[in-house]
N, C-alpha and C. Protein backbone atom coordinates (compact mmCIF):
# COMPACT_ATOMS: atom_id res chain seq x y z
N UNK A 1 -3.14 25.66 9.51
CA UNK A 1 -2.90 24.38 10.17
C UNK A 1 -4.16 23.88 10.88
N UNK A 2 -4.89 24.81 11.55
CA UNK A 2 -6.09 24.40 12.25
C UNK A 2 -7.12 23.83 11.29
N UNK A 3 -7.23 24.42 10.09
CA UNK A 3 -8.17 23.92 9.09
C UNK A 3 -7.81 22.50 8.69
N UNK A 4 -6.51 22.22 8.57
CA UNK A 4 -6.06 20.88 8.22
C UNK A 4 -6.44 19.88 9.31
N UNK A 5 -6.15 20.22 10.55
CA UNK A 5 -6.42 19.31 11.66
C UNK A 5 -7.91 19.01 11.77
N UNK A 6 -8.74 19.99 11.46
CA UNK A 6 -10.19 19.78 11.54
C UNK A 6 -10.69 18.73 10.55
N UNK A 7 -9.92 18.46 9.51
CA UNK A 7 -10.31 17.45 8.52
C UNK A 7 -9.88 16.04 8.93
N UNK A 8 -9.06 15.91 9.97
CA UNK A 8 -8.51 14.61 10.34
C UNK A 8 -9.46 13.84 11.24
N UNK A 9 -9.52 12.53 11.02
CA UNK A 9 -10.21 11.66 11.96
C UNK A 9 -9.36 11.51 13.21
N UNK A 10 -9.90 11.03 14.33
CA UNK A 10 -9.07 10.84 15.53
C UNK A 10 -7.83 9.98 15.28
N UNK A 11 -7.93 8.83 14.57
CA UNK A 11 -6.69 8.07 14.30
C UNK A 11 -5.70 8.84 13.43
N UNK A 12 -6.21 9.59 12.44
CA UNK A 12 -5.32 10.39 11.60
C UNK A 12 -4.64 11.48 12.41
N UNK A 13 -5.36 12.07 13.35
CA UNK A 13 -4.76 13.11 14.18
C UNK A 13 -3.65 12.55 15.06
N UNK A 14 -3.86 11.36 15.60
CA UNK A 14 -2.81 10.72 16.39
C UNK A 14 -1.57 10.45 15.55
N UNK A 15 -1.79 9.97 14.33
CA UNK A 15 -0.65 9.71 13.45
C UNK A 15 0.06 11.01 13.10
N UNK A 16 -0.71 12.06 12.83
CA UNK A 16 -0.13 13.36 12.50
C UNK A 16 0.71 13.88 13.66
N UNK A 17 0.21 13.75 14.86
CA UNK A 17 0.92 14.24 16.04
C UNK A 17 2.17 13.40 16.33
N UNK A 18 2.23 12.19 15.81
CA UNK A 18 3.42 11.35 16.01
C UNK A 18 4.59 11.81 15.15
N UNK A 19 4.34 12.69 14.18
CA UNK A 19 5.41 13.21 13.32
C UNK A 19 6.07 14.37 14.06
N UNK A 20 6.82 14.05 15.12
CA UNK A 20 7.26 15.05 16.07
C UNK A 20 8.73 15.43 15.95
N UNK A 21 9.36 15.07 14.84
CA UNK A 21 10.74 15.45 14.56
C UNK A 21 10.97 15.31 13.06
N UNK A 22 12.01 15.96 12.52
CA UNK A 22 12.31 15.75 11.10
C UNK A 22 12.51 14.27 10.74
N UNK A 23 13.19 13.52 11.61
CA UNK A 23 13.41 12.10 11.31
C UNK A 23 12.10 11.33 11.34
N UNK A 24 11.20 11.65 12.26
CA UNK A 24 9.90 10.97 12.30
C UNK A 24 9.11 11.24 11.03
N UNK A 25 9.21 12.45 10.52
CA UNK A 25 8.52 12.78 9.27
C UNK A 25 9.13 11.95 8.13
N UNK A 26 10.47 11.88 8.09
CA UNK A 26 11.13 11.08 7.05
C UNK A 26 10.74 9.62 7.15
N UNK A 27 10.72 9.08 8.35
CA UNK A 27 10.36 7.68 8.52
C UNK A 27 8.95 7.40 8.05
N UNK A 28 8.05 8.36 8.27
CA UNK A 28 6.68 8.19 7.77
C UNK A 28 6.67 8.15 6.25
N UNK A 29 7.37 9.08 5.62
CA UNK A 29 7.41 9.08 4.14
C UNK A 29 8.02 7.78 3.63
N UNK A 30 9.05 7.28 4.30
CA UNK A 30 9.70 6.04 3.87
C UNK A 30 8.76 4.84 3.99
N UNK A 31 7.77 4.94 4.87
CA UNK A 31 6.83 3.82 5.06
C UNK A 31 5.79 3.75 3.95
N UNK A 32 5.69 4.79 3.13
CA UNK A 32 4.69 4.84 2.07
C UNK A 32 5.28 4.38 0.74
N UNK A 33 4.53 3.66 -0.07
CA UNK A 33 5.02 3.31 -1.41
C UNK A 33 5.24 4.56 -2.26
N UNK A 34 6.33 4.52 -3.04
CA UNK A 34 6.56 5.58 -4.03
C UNK A 34 5.72 5.28 -5.25
N UNK A 35 4.98 6.28 -5.73
CA UNK A 35 4.16 6.10 -6.91
C UNK A 35 4.51 7.17 -7.94
N UNK A 36 4.81 6.75 -9.15
CA UNK A 36 5.13 7.68 -10.21
C UNK A 36 3.88 8.00 -11.02
N UNK A 37 3.30 9.16 -10.79
CA UNK A 37 2.09 9.57 -11.50
C UNK A 37 2.06 11.09 -11.57
N UNK A 38 1.19 11.61 -12.43
CA UNK A 38 1.09 13.05 -12.62
C UNK A 38 0.33 13.74 -11.49
N UNK A 39 -0.53 13.03 -10.81
CA UNK A 39 -1.34 13.63 -9.75
C UNK A 39 -0.46 14.11 -8.60
N UNK A 40 -0.73 15.32 -8.13
CA UNK A 40 -0.06 15.87 -6.96
C UNK A 40 -1.07 15.92 -5.81
N UNK A 41 -0.95 15.00 -4.90
CA UNK A 41 -1.90 14.91 -3.80
C UNK A 41 -1.70 16.03 -2.78
N UNK A 42 -2.78 16.39 -2.12
CA UNK A 42 -2.68 17.25 -0.95
C UNK A 42 -2.11 16.44 0.20
N UNK A 43 -1.55 17.09 1.22
CA UNK A 43 -1.10 16.34 2.39
C UNK A 43 -2.19 15.46 3.00
N UNK A 44 -3.42 15.94 3.01
CA UNK A 44 -4.51 15.12 3.55
C UNK A 44 -4.67 13.83 2.76
N UNK A 45 -4.60 13.92 1.44
CA UNK A 45 -4.79 12.74 0.61
C UNK A 45 -3.56 11.82 0.62
N UNK A 46 -2.39 12.37 0.89
CA UNK A 46 -1.22 11.50 1.12
C UNK A 46 -1.45 10.65 2.36
N UNK A 47 -1.94 11.28 3.42
CA UNK A 47 -2.24 10.53 4.64
C UNK A 47 -3.26 9.43 4.38
N UNK A 48 -4.27 9.74 3.58
CA UNK A 48 -5.37 8.80 3.39
C UNK A 48 -5.10 7.76 2.31
N UNK A 49 -4.38 8.13 1.26
CA UNK A 49 -4.12 7.19 0.18
C UNK A 49 -2.90 6.31 0.45
N UNK A 50 -2.06 6.76 1.40
CA UNK A 50 -0.89 5.98 1.80
C UNK A 50 0.09 5.75 0.66
N UNK A 51 0.28 6.76 -0.17
CA UNK A 51 1.27 6.70 -1.24
C UNK A 51 1.57 8.13 -1.69
N UNK A 52 2.76 8.31 -2.30
CA UNK A 52 3.13 9.65 -2.76
C UNK A 52 4.37 9.57 -3.63
N UNK A 53 4.71 10.69 -4.24
CA UNK A 53 5.99 10.86 -4.92
C UNK A 53 6.72 12.03 -4.26
N UNK A 54 7.79 12.52 -4.87
CA UNK A 54 8.63 13.49 -4.16
C UNK A 54 7.92 14.82 -3.94
N UNK A 55 7.07 15.25 -4.87
CA UNK A 55 6.43 16.55 -4.71
C UNK A 55 5.37 16.54 -3.63
N UNK A 56 4.42 15.59 -3.71
CA UNK A 56 3.38 15.59 -2.69
C UNK A 56 3.92 15.13 -1.34
N UNK A 57 4.96 14.28 -1.35
CA UNK A 57 5.63 13.96 -0.10
C UNK A 57 6.31 15.18 0.51
N UNK A 58 6.89 16.02 -0.36
CA UNK A 58 7.52 17.25 0.10
C UNK A 58 6.51 18.21 0.71
N UNK A 59 5.34 18.30 0.10
CA UNK A 59 4.29 19.17 0.65
C UNK A 59 3.88 18.70 2.04
N UNK A 60 3.69 17.39 2.18
CA UNK A 60 3.33 16.88 3.50
C UNK A 60 4.43 17.14 4.51
N UNK A 61 5.69 16.92 4.12
CA UNK A 61 6.81 17.14 5.03
C UNK A 61 6.90 18.61 5.44
N UNK A 62 6.71 19.51 4.49
CA UNK A 62 6.77 20.94 4.81
C UNK A 62 5.67 21.33 5.79
N UNK A 63 4.47 20.78 5.58
CA UNK A 63 3.36 21.06 6.49
C UNK A 63 3.66 20.51 7.88
N UNK A 64 4.21 19.29 7.94
CA UNK A 64 4.55 18.69 9.22
C UNK A 64 5.65 19.47 9.93
N UNK A 65 6.62 19.97 9.18
CA UNK A 65 7.67 20.80 9.77
C UNK A 65 7.09 22.08 10.35
N UNK A 66 6.09 22.65 9.68
CA UNK A 66 5.49 23.89 10.18
C UNK A 66 4.80 23.64 11.52
N UNK A 67 4.25 22.45 11.72
CA UNK A 67 3.64 22.13 13.01
C UNK A 67 4.67 22.11 14.13
N UNK A 68 5.93 21.82 13.77
CA UNK A 68 7.02 21.77 14.75
C UNK A 68 7.69 23.13 14.94
N UNK A 69 7.20 24.15 14.25
CA UNK A 69 7.74 25.49 14.41
C UNK A 69 8.73 25.92 13.34
N UNK A 70 9.00 25.06 12.35
CA UNK A 70 9.87 25.43 11.24
C UNK A 70 9.04 26.12 10.16
N UNK A 71 9.62 27.03 9.39
CA UNK A 71 8.90 27.53 8.22
C UNK A 71 8.75 26.41 7.19
N UNK A 72 7.61 26.34 6.49
CA UNK A 72 7.41 25.28 5.50
C UNK A 72 8.10 25.62 4.18
N UNK A 73 9.28 25.09 3.98
CA UNK A 73 10.12 25.44 2.85
C UNK A 73 10.28 24.29 1.88
N UNK A 74 10.05 24.55 0.59
CA UNK A 74 10.29 23.57 -0.47
C UNK A 74 11.40 24.06 -1.38
N UNK A 75 12.33 23.16 -1.69
CA UNK A 75 13.43 23.47 -2.60
C UNK A 75 13.45 22.42 -3.70
N UNK A 76 13.76 22.84 -4.91
CA UNK A 76 13.80 21.92 -6.04
C UNK A 76 15.23 21.66 -6.48
N UNK A 77 15.56 20.40 -6.71
CA UNK A 77 16.83 20.01 -7.32
C UNK A 77 16.55 19.78 -8.80
N UNK A 78 17.31 20.45 -9.65
CA UNK A 78 16.98 20.54 -11.07
C UNK A 78 17.99 19.76 -11.91
N UNK A 79 17.53 18.81 -12.73
CA UNK A 79 18.44 18.02 -13.57
C UNK A 79 18.70 18.68 -14.92
N UNK A 80 19.59 18.06 -15.67
CA UNK A 80 19.78 18.46 -17.06
C UNK A 80 18.48 18.19 -17.82
N UNK A 81 17.98 19.17 -18.58
CA UNK A 81 16.69 19.00 -19.26
C UNK A 81 16.67 17.76 -20.14
N UNK A 82 15.57 17.01 -20.05
CA UNK A 82 15.39 15.83 -20.87
C UNK A 82 16.13 14.60 -20.39
N UNK A 83 16.86 14.73 -19.29
CA UNK A 83 17.67 13.61 -18.79
C UNK A 83 17.07 12.93 -17.57
N UNK A 84 16.27 13.68 -16.78
CA UNK A 84 15.84 13.15 -15.50
C UNK A 84 14.68 13.97 -14.95
N UNK A 85 14.05 13.45 -13.89
CA UNK A 85 13.07 14.18 -13.11
C UNK A 85 13.78 15.15 -12.18
N UNK A 86 13.07 16.24 -11.83
CA UNK A 86 13.55 17.06 -10.73
C UNK A 86 13.29 16.33 -9.40
N UNK A 87 13.75 16.89 -8.31
CA UNK A 87 13.57 16.26 -7.00
C UNK A 87 13.28 17.33 -5.97
N UNK A 88 12.22 17.12 -5.18
CA UNK A 88 11.73 18.13 -4.24
C UNK A 88 12.16 17.79 -2.82
N UNK A 89 12.69 18.81 -2.13
CA UNK A 89 13.11 18.68 -0.74
C UNK A 89 12.27 19.59 0.14
N UNK A 90 11.90 19.11 1.32
CA UNK A 90 11.40 19.97 2.39
C UNK A 90 12.60 20.31 3.25
N UNK A 91 12.95 21.59 3.28
CA UNK A 91 14.19 22.04 3.91
C UNK A 91 13.91 22.58 5.31
N UNK A 92 14.79 22.27 6.24
CA UNK A 92 14.69 22.82 7.59
C UNK A 92 16.07 23.26 8.06
N UNK A 93 16.10 24.05 9.11
CA UNK A 93 17.37 24.60 9.60
C UNK A 93 17.41 24.53 11.12
N UNK A 94 18.50 24.00 11.66
CA UNK A 94 18.69 23.91 13.10
C UNK A 94 20.08 24.43 13.43
N UNK A 95 20.16 25.39 14.36
CA UNK A 95 21.43 25.98 14.78
C UNK A 95 22.23 26.53 13.60
N UNK A 96 21.49 27.05 12.61
CA UNK A 96 22.14 27.67 11.47
C UNK A 96 22.55 26.73 10.36
N UNK A 97 22.26 25.43 10.50
CA UNK A 97 22.65 24.44 9.51
C UNK A 97 21.41 23.82 8.86
N UNK A 98 21.52 23.59 7.56
CA UNK A 98 20.39 23.07 6.78
C UNK A 98 20.36 21.55 6.74
N UNK A 99 19.15 21.01 6.78
CA UNK A 99 18.89 19.60 6.53
C UNK A 99 17.70 19.49 5.60
N UNK A 100 17.32 18.27 5.26
CA UNK A 100 16.21 18.09 4.32
C UNK A 100 15.50 16.77 4.56
N UNK A 101 14.23 16.77 4.19
CA UNK A 101 13.38 15.58 4.19
C UNK A 101 12.91 15.39 2.76
N UNK A 102 12.87 14.16 2.28
CA UNK A 102 12.43 13.94 0.90
C UNK A 102 11.90 12.53 0.70
N UNK A 103 10.89 12.42 -0.11
CA UNK A 103 10.41 11.12 -0.59
C UNK A 103 11.10 10.85 -1.92
N UNK A 104 11.67 9.66 -2.06
CA UNK A 104 12.37 9.36 -3.31
C UNK A 104 12.27 7.90 -3.67
N UNK A 105 12.40 7.64 -4.95
CA UNK A 105 12.47 6.28 -5.50
C UNK A 105 13.90 5.74 -5.41
N UNK A 106 14.84 6.59 -4.99
CA UNK A 106 16.25 6.23 -4.90
C UNK A 106 16.71 6.30 -3.45
N UNK A 107 17.53 5.38 -3.05
CA UNK A 107 18.01 5.31 -1.66
C UNK A 107 18.70 6.60 -1.24
N UNK A 108 19.55 7.15 -2.09
CA UNK A 108 20.42 8.26 -1.68
C UNK A 108 19.82 9.64 -1.77
N UNK A 109 18.56 9.75 -2.13
CA UNK A 109 17.96 11.08 -2.35
C UNK A 109 16.93 11.43 -1.29
N UNK A 110 17.12 10.95 -0.08
CA UNK A 110 16.10 11.13 0.95
C UNK A 110 16.58 12.10 2.05
N UNK A 111 16.73 11.63 3.25
CA UNK A 111 16.97 12.48 4.42
C UNK A 111 18.39 13.05 4.44
N UNK A 112 18.50 14.29 4.91
CA UNK A 112 19.80 14.89 5.21
C UNK A 112 19.76 15.49 6.61
N UNK A 113 20.76 15.13 7.40
CA UNK A 113 20.91 15.73 8.73
C UNK A 113 21.19 17.23 8.59
N UNK A 114 20.83 18.02 9.60
CA UNK A 114 21.08 19.47 9.53
C UNK A 114 22.54 19.80 9.84
N UNK A 115 23.41 19.56 8.86
CA UNK A 115 24.85 19.79 9.03
C UNK A 115 25.44 20.62 7.89
N UNK A 116 24.60 21.12 6.99
CA UNK A 116 25.08 21.81 5.80
C UNK A 116 25.01 23.32 5.98
N UNK A 117 26.12 23.99 5.69
CA UNK A 117 26.24 25.42 5.99
C UNK A 117 25.49 26.32 5.02
N UNK A 118 25.18 25.81 3.84
CA UNK A 118 24.49 26.63 2.84
C UNK A 118 23.55 25.75 2.04
N UNK A 119 22.64 26.38 1.32
CA UNK A 119 21.74 25.63 0.46
C UNK A 119 22.50 24.96 -0.68
N UNK A 120 23.54 25.60 -1.18
CA UNK A 120 24.35 24.99 -2.23
C UNK A 120 25.03 23.73 -1.72
N UNK A 121 25.57 23.82 -0.51
CA UNK A 121 26.22 22.65 0.09
C UNK A 121 25.22 21.51 0.27
N UNK A 122 24.01 21.85 0.72
CA UNK A 122 22.96 20.84 0.85
C UNK A 122 22.64 20.22 -0.50
N UNK A 123 22.45 21.05 -1.51
CA UNK A 123 22.13 20.54 -2.85
C UNK A 123 23.24 19.62 -3.36
N UNK A 124 24.49 20.01 -3.18
CA UNK A 124 25.60 19.22 -3.69
C UNK A 124 25.73 17.88 -2.98
N UNK A 125 25.17 17.77 -1.76
CA UNK A 125 25.22 16.49 -1.07
C UNK A 125 24.42 15.41 -1.80
N UNK A 126 23.55 15.83 -2.70
CA UNK A 126 22.74 14.88 -3.47
C UNK A 126 23.39 14.53 -4.82
N UNK A 127 24.51 15.16 -5.16
CA UNK A 127 25.02 15.04 -6.53
C UNK A 127 25.33 13.61 -6.96
N UNK A 128 26.12 12.90 -6.19
CA UNK A 128 26.56 11.56 -6.61
C UNK A 128 25.41 10.56 -6.69
N UNK A 129 24.37 10.77 -5.90
CA UNK A 129 23.23 9.84 -5.89
C UNK A 129 22.14 10.24 -6.85
N UNK A 130 22.33 11.36 -7.56
CA UNK A 130 21.32 11.88 -8.47
C UNK A 130 21.67 11.43 -9.89
N UNK A 131 21.20 10.24 -10.24
CA UNK A 131 21.51 9.70 -11.56
C UNK A 131 20.25 9.10 -12.17
N UNK A 132 20.27 8.95 -13.49
CA UNK A 132 19.08 8.42 -14.17
C UNK A 132 19.24 6.94 -14.46
N UNK A 133 18.27 6.37 -15.12
CA UNK A 133 18.26 4.93 -15.38
C UNK A 133 19.42 4.50 -16.27
N UNK A 134 20.01 5.45 -17.00
CA UNK A 134 21.17 5.15 -17.84
C UNK A 134 22.50 5.31 -17.09
N UNK A 135 22.43 5.65 -15.80
CA UNK A 135 23.65 5.81 -15.01
C UNK A 135 24.33 7.15 -15.18
N UNK A 136 23.66 8.12 -15.79
CA UNK A 136 24.23 9.46 -15.96
C UNK A 136 23.96 10.31 -14.73
N UNK A 137 24.96 11.02 -14.24
CA UNK A 137 24.79 11.95 -13.12
C UNK A 137 24.17 13.24 -13.67
N UNK A 138 22.96 13.53 -13.23
CA UNK A 138 22.15 14.51 -13.95
C UNK A 138 21.86 15.81 -13.19
N UNK A 139 22.23 15.91 -11.92
CA UNK A 139 21.92 17.13 -11.16
C UNK A 139 22.70 18.32 -11.71
N UNK A 140 21.98 19.42 -11.95
CA UNK A 140 22.62 20.61 -12.53
C UNK A 140 22.33 21.89 -11.76
N UNK A 141 21.27 21.94 -10.97
CA UNK A 141 20.96 23.19 -10.29
C UNK A 141 19.99 22.99 -9.14
N UNK A 142 19.67 24.09 -8.49
CA UNK A 142 18.72 24.08 -7.38
C UNK A 142 18.01 25.42 -7.33
N UNK A 143 16.90 25.46 -6.63
CA UNK A 143 16.17 26.72 -6.47
C UNK A 143 16.29 27.21 -5.03
N UNK A 144 16.10 28.49 -4.84
CA UNK A 144 15.92 29.01 -3.49
C UNK A 144 14.63 28.43 -2.92
N UNK A 145 14.57 28.19 -1.62
CA UNK A 145 13.35 27.59 -1.05
C UNK A 145 12.13 28.50 -1.21
N UNK A 146 11.02 27.88 -1.48
CA UNK A 146 9.73 28.57 -1.52
C UNK A 146 9.07 28.39 -0.16
N UNK A 147 8.74 29.52 0.49
CA UNK A 147 8.07 29.48 1.78
C UNK A 147 6.57 29.35 1.55
N UNK A 148 5.99 28.23 1.93
CA UNK A 148 4.59 27.97 1.67
C UNK A 148 3.66 28.82 2.53
N UNK A 149 4.22 29.56 3.48
CA UNK A 149 3.39 30.53 4.21
C UNK A 149 2.85 31.61 3.28
N UNK A 150 3.47 31.76 2.13
CA UNK A 150 2.97 32.72 1.13
C UNK A 150 1.59 32.34 0.63
N UNK A 151 1.21 31.09 0.83
CA UNK A 151 -0.05 30.59 0.29
C UNK A 151 -1.05 30.26 1.40
N UNK A 152 -0.95 31.00 2.51
CA UNK A 152 -1.86 30.76 3.61
C UNK A 152 -3.31 31.05 3.24
N UNK A 153 -3.52 31.86 2.21
CA UNK A 153 -4.89 32.16 1.77
C UNK A 153 -5.50 31.00 0.99
N UNK A 154 -4.66 30.00 0.65
CA UNK A 154 -5.14 28.83 -0.08
C UNK A 154 -5.26 27.64 0.87
N UNK A 155 -6.10 26.71 0.50
CA UNK A 155 -6.33 25.53 1.33
C UNK A 155 -5.59 24.33 0.73
N UNK A 156 -4.28 24.52 0.44
CA UNK A 156 -3.53 23.50 -0.29
C UNK A 156 -3.30 22.23 0.54
N UNK A 157 -3.45 22.30 1.84
CA UNK A 157 -3.24 21.11 2.67
C UNK A 157 -4.33 20.06 2.45
N UNK A 158 -5.50 20.50 1.95
CA UNK A 158 -6.61 19.56 1.73
C UNK A 158 -7.19 19.63 0.33
N UNK A 159 -6.95 20.73 -0.39
CA UNK A 159 -7.60 20.98 -1.68
C UNK A 159 -6.58 20.85 -2.81
N UNK A 160 -6.75 19.87 -3.68
CA UNK A 160 -5.76 19.63 -4.73
C UNK A 160 -5.81 20.67 -5.85
N UNK A 161 -6.92 21.37 -6.00
CA UNK A 161 -6.94 22.50 -6.94
C UNK A 161 -6.00 23.60 -6.45
N UNK A 162 -5.94 23.79 -5.14
CA UNK A 162 -5.03 24.77 -4.58
C UNK A 162 -3.60 24.26 -4.58
N UNK A 163 -3.41 22.95 -4.45
CA UNK A 163 -2.08 22.37 -4.62
C UNK A 163 -1.52 22.74 -6.00
N UNK A 164 -2.36 22.68 -7.02
CA UNK A 164 -1.93 22.98 -8.39
C UNK A 164 -1.42 24.41 -8.50
N UNK A 165 -2.03 25.35 -7.79
CA UNK A 165 -1.59 26.74 -7.81
C UNK A 165 -0.20 26.86 -7.19
N UNK A 166 -0.01 26.20 -6.05
CA UNK A 166 1.30 26.21 -5.39
C UNK A 166 2.35 25.58 -6.30
N UNK A 167 2.01 24.47 -6.91
CA UNK A 167 2.96 23.75 -7.77
C UNK A 167 3.36 24.61 -8.98
N UNK A 168 2.41 25.29 -9.59
CA UNK A 168 2.72 26.16 -10.73
C UNK A 168 3.73 27.24 -10.32
N UNK A 169 3.53 27.80 -9.15
CA UNK A 169 4.46 28.84 -8.68
C UNK A 169 5.82 28.22 -8.37
N UNK A 170 5.82 27.06 -7.74
CA UNK A 170 7.07 26.40 -7.38
C UNK A 170 7.92 26.10 -8.61
N UNK A 171 7.29 25.60 -9.66
CA UNK A 171 8.05 25.24 -10.85
C UNK A 171 8.42 26.43 -11.74
N UNK A 172 7.98 27.62 -11.32
CA UNK A 172 8.40 28.83 -12.05
C UNK A 172 9.67 29.44 -11.44
N UNK A 173 10.16 28.86 -10.33
CA UNK A 173 11.34 29.41 -9.68
C UNK A 173 12.58 29.22 -10.55
N UNK A 174 13.46 30.20 -10.51
CA UNK A 174 14.68 30.16 -11.30
C UNK A 174 15.68 29.18 -10.71
N UNK A 175 16.31 28.40 -11.57
CA UNK A 175 17.33 27.44 -11.13
C UNK A 175 18.69 28.12 -11.03
N UNK A 176 19.40 27.81 -9.96
CA UNK A 176 20.76 28.31 -9.75
C UNK A 176 21.73 27.21 -10.15
N UNK A 177 22.63 27.46 -11.10
CA UNK A 177 23.54 26.39 -11.57
C UNK A 177 24.47 25.90 -10.47
N UNK A 178 24.75 24.60 -10.50
CA UNK A 178 25.69 23.98 -9.57
C UNK A 178 27.03 23.66 -10.24
N UNK A 179 27.02 23.42 -11.55
CA UNK A 179 28.21 22.96 -12.26
C UNK A 179 28.54 23.89 -13.42
N UNK A 180 29.81 23.96 -13.75
CA UNK A 180 30.23 24.66 -14.96
C UNK A 180 30.18 23.70 -16.14
N UNK A 181 30.18 24.25 -17.33
CA UNK A 181 30.20 23.41 -18.54
C UNK A 181 31.45 22.53 -18.56
N UNK A 182 32.55 23.06 -18.07
CA UNK A 182 33.80 22.29 -18.06
C UNK A 182 33.69 21.09 -17.12
N UNK A 183 33.04 21.29 -15.97
CA UNK A 183 32.86 20.18 -15.03
C UNK A 183 31.92 19.12 -15.60
N UNK A 184 30.87 19.57 -16.27
CA UNK A 184 29.91 18.64 -16.86
C UNK A 184 30.59 17.76 -17.91
N UNK A 185 31.46 18.36 -18.70
CA UNK A 185 32.14 17.61 -19.76
C UNK A 185 33.03 16.50 -19.20
N UNK A 186 33.45 16.61 -17.95
CA UNK A 186 34.35 15.63 -17.36
C UNK A 186 33.63 14.55 -16.55
N UNK A 187 32.30 14.63 -16.46
CA UNK A 187 31.57 13.69 -15.61
C UNK A 187 31.66 12.26 -16.14
N UNK A 188 31.80 11.34 -15.22
CA UNK A 188 31.79 9.92 -15.56
C UNK A 188 30.45 9.32 -15.14
N UNK A 189 30.05 8.21 -15.75
CA UNK A 189 28.82 7.55 -15.30
C UNK A 189 29.00 6.96 -13.91
N UNK A 190 27.91 6.73 -13.23
CA UNK A 190 27.98 6.13 -11.91
C UNK A 190 28.44 4.68 -12.04
N UNK A 191 29.23 4.22 -11.07
CA UNK A 191 29.71 2.85 -11.13
C UNK A 191 28.57 1.87 -10.84
N UNK A 192 28.72 0.65 -11.31
CA UNK A 192 27.64 -0.34 -11.24
C UNK A 192 27.21 -0.64 -9.80
N UNK A 193 28.18 -0.75 -8.88
CA UNK A 193 27.83 -1.08 -7.50
C UNK A 193 26.98 0.01 -6.87
N UNK A 194 27.38 1.27 -7.07
CA UNK A 194 26.61 2.39 -6.52
C UNK A 194 25.25 2.48 -7.19
N UNK A 195 25.21 2.21 -8.49
CA UNK A 195 23.94 2.23 -9.22
C UNK A 195 22.96 1.24 -8.60
N UNK A 196 23.41 0.03 -8.40
CA UNK A 196 22.52 -1.01 -7.86
C UNK A 196 22.12 -0.72 -6.42
N UNK A 197 23.06 -0.20 -5.62
CA UNK A 197 22.73 0.14 -4.23
C UNK A 197 21.68 1.24 -4.16
N UNK A 198 21.82 2.23 -5.02
CA UNK A 198 20.87 3.34 -5.02
C UNK A 198 19.50 2.95 -5.51
N UNK A 199 19.41 1.85 -6.25
CA UNK A 199 18.13 1.37 -6.78
C UNK A 199 17.44 0.37 -5.85
N UNK A 200 18.01 0.10 -4.69
CA UNK A 200 17.41 -0.88 -3.79
C UNK A 200 15.99 -0.45 -3.41
N UNK A 201 15.04 -1.34 -3.63
CA UNK A 201 13.65 -1.05 -3.29
C UNK A 201 12.92 -0.14 -4.26
N UNK A 202 13.50 0.12 -5.41
CA UNK A 202 12.92 1.06 -6.37
C UNK A 202 11.66 0.50 -7.01
N UNK A 203 10.68 1.38 -7.21
CA UNK A 203 9.52 1.09 -8.04
C UNK A 203 9.90 1.47 -9.47
N UNK A 204 10.22 0.47 -10.29
CA UNK A 204 10.74 0.76 -11.63
C UNK A 204 9.69 1.38 -12.54
N UNK A 205 8.41 1.18 -12.23
CA UNK A 205 7.37 1.83 -13.02
C UNK A 205 7.38 3.35 -12.82
N UNK A 206 7.95 3.80 -11.70
CA UNK A 206 7.98 5.22 -11.42
C UNK A 206 9.24 5.92 -11.87
N UNK A 207 10.14 5.24 -12.59
CA UNK A 207 11.40 5.84 -13.01
C UNK A 207 11.24 6.71 -14.26
N UNK A 208 11.94 7.82 -14.26
CA UNK A 208 12.00 8.66 -15.46
C UNK A 208 12.85 7.95 -16.51
N UNK A 209 12.35 7.95 -17.74
CA UNK A 209 13.08 7.28 -18.82
C UNK A 209 13.39 8.29 -19.92
N UNK A 210 14.65 8.71 -20.03
CA UNK A 210 15.02 9.71 -21.04
C UNK A 210 14.61 9.27 -22.44
N UNK A 211 14.06 10.20 -23.18
CA UNK A 211 13.69 9.93 -24.56
C UNK A 211 12.33 9.30 -24.73
N UNK A 212 11.62 9.06 -23.62
CA UNK A 212 10.27 8.45 -23.70
C UNK A 212 9.23 9.47 -23.30
């Protein structure tokens, strides 16, 4: 953390110190444009470029949570293969209950209050809002959180080559199924009103498009 702070300008340090609660971190991520691209920025470059997607936003949120005394935990929400993008959460726990911070192109895939008794319960809270451009509900699994303290020997907060190492490890985590095959067979598409509400403010250039 000290190495990260040493890279900040005085105005950047003031902004960083203003991220003094999970909600403040979420509000900061919400203030940044969502950008759909392959590049995974370091937290430093998210601060400086003023844009991010769910993965690099999650990295910044996890780092900011660690400054507040939480372990820096990343969890992945895993869709049906070929149907959708995965979604990254920075997970935190207060009084034994889980919450999450997330950058998303969709309204319903962002902040969660710390009211969920288990990681599965937290993951399932995203189910109805986790749909693709065709209106299909695509969430199928989740991973156990990855504690980024495991990578303290790397300078991932400022170095994007080291971010790539963390990301490779993160995406190697095993997915835990959320639904049975029988439940999947009974799924209905999302209704039009919910679809449109969830797309409010969406950057359509950043949407995953099945089959493309």
